Amino acid sequence: MGNPQEKSRGTETRLHLEPHQIILRPLVTEKGVYHAGEFNQYAFEVNSLSTKDDIKRAVEELFNVKVTKVRTQNRAGKPRRYRYRNGYTKNWKKALVTLDKEHRIDFF
């Protein structure tokens, strides 16, 4: 397909993040609690630089579970006002992690 001497794209210079740097916080909402009970899916705010493989590895290491699927969303910041100033909230990345049916994560 390509030249065998070419370096693979992005693997040599990619930043290595530790699991606690990838998973920033769990998103515990009504919708999240429903998805955890019905579909065994959990939502997390994750580092914007992390990939799906990074997120899977981090969740498996931190919570000692088996991850079957990871879906990600890049969430755009929203315009907000504070007194007389206009600004934006930060952009962030959301991950929906589906676990194997034998595994669970208890946040509360």
Protein backbone atom coordinates (compact mmCIF):
# COMPACT_ATOMS: atom_id res chain seq x y z
CA MET A 1 0.00 0.00 0.00
CA GLY A 2 2.68 2.50 0.98
CA ASN A 3 6.38 2.60 1.36
CA PRO A 4 7.41 0.15 4.15
CA GLN A 5 10.04 2.61 5.35
CA GLU A 6 7.42 5.27 6.12
CA LYS A 7 6.62 5.76 9.77
CA SER A 8 3.10 4.95 10.89
CA ARG A 9 1.02 8.07 11.28
CA GLY A 10 1.02 9.63 14.75
CA THR A 11 2.35 6.71 16.77
CA GLU A 12 5.92 7.87 17.30
CA THR A 13 5.24 11.38 18.57
CA ARG A 14 1.90 10.85 20.32
CA LEU A 15 1.67 12.01 23.91
CA HIS A 16 1.31 9.19 26.45
CA LEU A 17 -1.29 9.98 29.12
CA GLU A 18 -1.77 8.13 32.39
CA PRO A 19 -5.27 6.72 33.15
CA HIS A 20 -6.00 9.39 35.78
CA GLN A 21 -5.10 12.07 33.21
CA ILE A 22 -7.48 10.62 30.61
CA ILE A 23 -10.64 10.20 32.74
CA LEU A 24 -11.34 13.64 34.22
CA ARG A 25 -14.67 12.94 35.92
CA PRO A 26 -17.77 10.75 35.60
CA LEU A 27 -20.92 12.43 34.32
CA VAL A 28 -23.64 11.46 36.78
CA THR A 29 -26.95 12.71 35.37
CA GLU A 30 -30.48 11.33 35.20
CA LYS A 31 -29.89 10.16 31.66
CA GLY A 32 -26.53 8.64 32.64
CA VAL A 33 -28.05 6.72 35.56
CA TYR A 34 -30.77 5.39 33.24
CA HIS A 35 -28.20 4.27 30.64
CA ALA A 36 -26.09 2.63 33.36
CA GLY A 37 -29.07 0.58 34.55
CA GLU A 38 -30.57 -0.32 31.17
CA PHE A 39 -27.62 -0.53 28.77
CA ASN A 40 -24.57 -0.77 31.08
CA GLN A 41 -23.19 2.47 29.56
CA TYR A 42 -21.29 5.08 31.55
CA ALA A 43 -20.44 8.67 30.59
CA PHE A 44 -17.17 10.42 31.39
CA GLU A 45 -15.58 13.76 30.70
CA VAL A 46 -12.23 12.85 29.17
CA ASN A 47 -9.06 14.61 28.05
CA SER A 48 -9.43 16.17 24.59
CA LEU A 49 -6.19 14.57 23.41
CA SER A 50 -7.24 11.01 24.28
CA THR A 51 -8.33 8.44 21.71
CA LYS A 52 -10.90 5.66 22.01
CA ASP A 53 -8.14 3.13 22.70
CA ASP A 54 -6.72 5.38 25.45
CA ILE A 55 -10.16 5.74 27.04
CA LYS A 56 -10.78 1.99 26.93
CA ARG A 57 -7.41 1.26 28.56
CA ALA A 58 -7.94 3.91 31.24
CA VAL A 59 -11.43 2.71 32.24
CA GLU A 60 -10.29 -0.91 32.36
CA GLU A 61 -7.30 -0.02 34.57
CA LEU A 62 -9.07 2.42 36.90
CA PHE A 63 -12.29 0.48 37.48
CA ASN A 64 -11.10 -3.11 36.83
CA VAL A 65 -13.85 -3.85 34.27
CA LYS A 66 -14.07 -5.12 30.66
CA VAL A 67 -15.00 -2.46 28.08
CA THR A 68 -16.75 -3.57 24.88
CA LYS A 69 -17.36 -0.23 23.11
CA VAL A 70 -16.33 3.42 23.37
CA ARG A 71 -18.13 6.31 21.69
CA THR A 72 -16.85 9.87 21.87
CA GLN A 73 -18.32 13.33 21.32
CA ASN A 74 -16.51 16.64 21.03
CA ARG A 75 -18.73 19.14 22.83
CA ALA A 76 -18.49 22.80 21.83
CA GLY A 77 -18.40 25.52 24.47
CA LYS A 78 -21.51 27.64 24.90
CA PRO A 79 -21.76 31.42 25.06
CA ARG A 80 -22.26 32.70 28.60
CA ARG A 81 -22.56 36.12 30.22
CA TYR A 82 -21.14 37.22 33.54
CA ARG A 83 -22.08 40.75 34.58
CA TYR A 84 -21.07 42.95 31.65
CA ARG A 85 -18.79 40.50 29.91
CA ASN A 86 -19.47 37.89 27.27
CA GLY A 87 -17.48 34.67 27.09
CA TYR A 88 -17.59 31.00 26.28
CA THR A 89 -17.43 27.88 28.38
CA LYS A 90 -14.59 25.54 27.44
CA ASN A 91 -14.79 22.90 24.73
CA TRP A 92 -14.68 19.37 26.14
CA LYS A 93 -14.80 15.73 25.14
CA LYS A 94 -17.40 13.24 26.33
CA ALA A 95 -17.01 9.46 26.22
CA LEU A 96 -19.81 6.88 26.42
CA VAL A 97 -18.32 3.59 27.56
CA THR A 98 -20.24 0.32 27.22
CA LEU A 99 -19.15 -2.44 29.58
CA ASP A 100 -19.36 -6.20 29.30
CA LYS A 101 -22.62 -7.54 30.77
CA GLU A 102 -20.88 -9.11 33.80
CA HIS A 103 -19.25 -5.83 34.90
CA ARG A 104 -20.62 -2.76 36.68
CA ILE A 105 -19.26 0.54 38.01
CA ASP A 106 -20.80 1.92 41.22
CA PHE A 107 -20.44 5.70 41.58
CA PHE A 108 -22.70 6.00 44.60
